[in-house]
C-alpha atoms as a PDB file:
ATOM      1  CA  MET A   1       0.128  -0.066  -0.023  1.00  0.00           C
ATOM      2  CA  LEU A   2       1.333   3.412  -1.088  1.00  0.00           C
ATOM      3  CA  LYS A   3       1.687   6.025   1.754  1.00  0.00           C
ATOM      4  CA  ASP A   4      -0.037   9.527   1.127  1.00  0.00           C
ATOM      5  CA  ASP A   5       3.349  11.225   0.118  1.00  0.00           C
ATOM      6  CA  GLU A   6       3.320   8.518  -2.740  1.00  0.00           C
ATOM      7  CA  TYR A   7       0.006   9.260  -3.812  1.00  0.00           C
ATOM      8  CA  ARG A   8       0.571  12.886  -3.686  1.00  0.00           C
ATOM      9  CA  GLU A   9       3.949  12.312  -5.990  1.00  0.00           C
ATOM     10  CA  LEU A  10       1.803  10.027  -8.363  1.00  0.00           C
ATOM     11  CA  ALA A  11      -0.842  12.834  -8.659  1.00  0.00           C
ATOM     12  CA  ASN A  12       1.931  15.387  -9.419  1.00  0.00           C
ATOM     13  CA  ARG A  13       3.603  13.346 -12.088  1.00  0.00           C
ATOM     14  CA  LEU A  14       0.087  12.829 -13.620  1.00  0.00           C
ATOM     15  CA  PHE A  15      -0.489  16.541 -13.585  1.00  0.00           C
ATOM     16  CA  ALA A  16       3.146  17.055 -15.278  1.00  0.00           C
ATOM     17  CA  MET A  17       2.252  14.752 -17.912  1.00  0.00           C
ATOM     18  CA  MET A  18      -1.170  16.486 -18.904  1.00  0.00           C
ATOM     19  CA  THR A  19       0.904  19.944 -18.977  1.00  0.00           C
ATOM     20  CA  ALA A  20       3.449  18.423 -21.354  1.00  0.00           C
ATOM     21  CA  MET A  21       0.226  16.903 -23.334  1.00  0.00           C
ATOM     22  CA  LEU A  22      -1.491  20.479 -23.284  1.00  0.00           C
ATOM     23  CA  GLU A  23       1.736  22.023 -24.434  1.00  0.00           C
ATOM     24  CA  ASP A  24       2.007  19.487 -27.462  1.00  0.00           C
ATOM     25  CA  ALA A  25      -1.605  19.952 -27.988  1.00  0.00           C
ATOM     26  CA  THR A  26      -1.190  23.707 -28.960  1.00  0.00           C
ATOM     27  CA  GLU A  27       0.799  23.118 -32.254  1.00  0.00           C
ATOM     28  CA  PRO A  28      -2.297  21.608 -33.910  1.00  0.00           C
ATOM     29  CA  ALA A  29      -4.579  24.248 -32.176  1.00  0.00           C
ATOM     30  CA  VAL A  30      -2.284  27.152 -33.602  1.00  0.00           C
ATOM     31  CA  ALA A  31      -1.907  25.525 -37.097  1.00  0.00           C
ATOM     32  CA  GLY A  32      -5.492  25.246 -37.273  1.00  0.00           C
ATOM     33  CA  GLN A  33      -5.868  28.733 -37.271  1.00  0.00           C
ATOM     34  CA  SER A  34      -4.492  29.174 -40.633  1.00  0.00           C
ATOM     35  CA  ALA A  35      -6.727  30.610 -43.287  1.00  0.00           C
ATOM     36  CA  ARG A  36      -4.454  28.494 -45.882  1.00  0.00           C
ATOM     37  CA  LEU A  37      -5.407  25.150 -44.908  1.00  0.00           C
ATOM     38  CA  THR A  38      -7.535  22.625 -46.785  1.00  0.00           C
ATOM     39  CA  LEU A  39     -10.652  21.271 -44.969  1.00  0.00           C
ATOM     40  CA  SER A  40      -9.046  18.029 -44.737  1.00  0.00           C
ATOM     41  CA  GLN A  41      -6.233  19.431 -43.007  1.00  0.00           C
ATOM     42  CA  LEU A  42      -8.397  21.160 -40.793  1.00  0.00           C
ATOM     43  CA  ALA A  43     -10.222  18.035 -39.853  1.00  0.00           C
ATOM     44  CA  ASP A  44      -6.895  16.271 -39.370  1.00  0.00           C
ATOM     45  CA  HIS A  45      -5.951  18.913 -36.672  1.00  0.00           C
ATOM     46  CA  GLY A  46      -9.322  18.548 -35.114  1.00  0.00           C
ATOM     47  CA  ARG A  47      -8.659  14.919 -34.866  1.00  0.00           C
ATOM     48  CA  ARG A  48      -5.297  15.211 -33.572  1.00  0.00           C
ATOM     49  CA  LEU A  49      -6.724  17.780 -30.678  1.00  0.00           C
ATOM     50  CA  ARG A  50      -9.532  15.207 -29.934  1.00  0.00           C
ATOM     51  CA  ALA A  51      -7.019  12.260 -29.309  1.00  0.00           C
ATOM     52  CA  VAL A  52      -4.666  14.182 -27.045  1.00  0.00           C
ATOM     53  CA  MET A  53      -7.821  15.731 -25.230  1.00  0.00           C
ATOM     54  CA  GLY A  54      -9.256  12.237 -24.961  1.00  0.00           C
ATOM     55  CA  ASP A  55      -5.750  10.964 -23.311  1.00  0.00           C
ATOM     56  CA  ILE A  56      -5.900  13.964 -21.105  1.00  0.00           C
ATOM     57  CA  GLU A  57      -9.319  13.279 -19.790  1.00  0.00           C
ATOM     58  CA  ILE A  58      -8.213   9.819 -18.755  1.00  0.00           C
ATOM     59  CA  ILE A  59      -5.391  10.906 -16.908  1.00  0.00           C
ATOM     60  CA  ALA A  60      -7.025  13.638 -15.173  1.00  0.00           C
ATOM     61  CA  GLU A  61      -9.478  11.132 -14.148  1.00  0.00           C
ATOM     62  CA  ALA A  62      -6.518   8.738 -12.671  1.00  0.00           C
ATOM     63  CA  ALA A  63      -4.982  11.977 -11.150  1.00  0.00           C
ATOM     64  CA  THR A  64      -8.607  12.645  -9.377  1.00  0.00           C
ATOM     65  CA  ILE A  65      -8.783   8.985  -8.041  1.00  0.00           C
ATOM     66  CA  VAL A  66      -5.158   8.824  -7.009  1.00  0.00           C
ATOM     67  CA  ALA A  67      -5.623  12.366  -4.926  1.00  0.00           C
ATOM     68  CA  SER A  68      -9.196  11.393  -3.648  1.00  0.00           C
ATOM     69  CA  PRO A  69      -9.767  11.466  -0.099  1.00  0.00           C
ATOM     70  CA  SER A  70     -12.274   8.804  -0.386  1.00  0.00           C
ATOM     71  CA  ALA A  71      -9.588   6.532  -2.196  1.00  0.00           C
ATOM     72  CA  ASN A  72      -7.815   3.555  -0.614  1.00  0.00           C
ATOM     73  CA  HIS A  73      -5.114   5.433   1.274  1.00  0.00           C
ATOM     74  CA  PRO A  74      -3.445   4.495   4.191  1.00  0.00           C
ATOM     75  CA  SER A  75      -4.589   7.696   6.112  1.00  0.00           C
ATOM     76  CA  ASN A  76      -8.408   6.733   5.455  1.00  0.00           C
ATOM     77  CA  GLN A  77      -8.129   3.270   7.094  1.00  0.00           C
ATOM     78  CA  ARG A  78      -9.707   2.531  10.135  1.00  0.00           C
ATOM     79  CA  LYS A  79      -9.245  -0.193  11.867  1.00  0.00           C
ATOM     80  CA  ARG A  80     -12.411  -2.511  12.110  1.00  0.00           C
ATOM     81  CA  PRO A  81     -13.515  -3.957  15.236  1.00  0.00           C
ATOM     82  CA  ARG A  82     -12.818  -8.148  15.323  1.00  0.00           C
END
């Protein structure tokens, strides 16, 4: 079982991963603003952004679960009477 500080570190790493992914997502977002692109190219940029955002959504859910007070953390474990 992980300790609270290990859960915190894991959540922080997940947030760092999401930050890097958001930074990478700026490229197709900015490129998609060009008036010179074809509709097909615009659609490709949109698909790339949707894929990244879907991955970020999954990682955000994981970070929420890891950092959740109701998660199975040691500090939330109560001894049950025998």
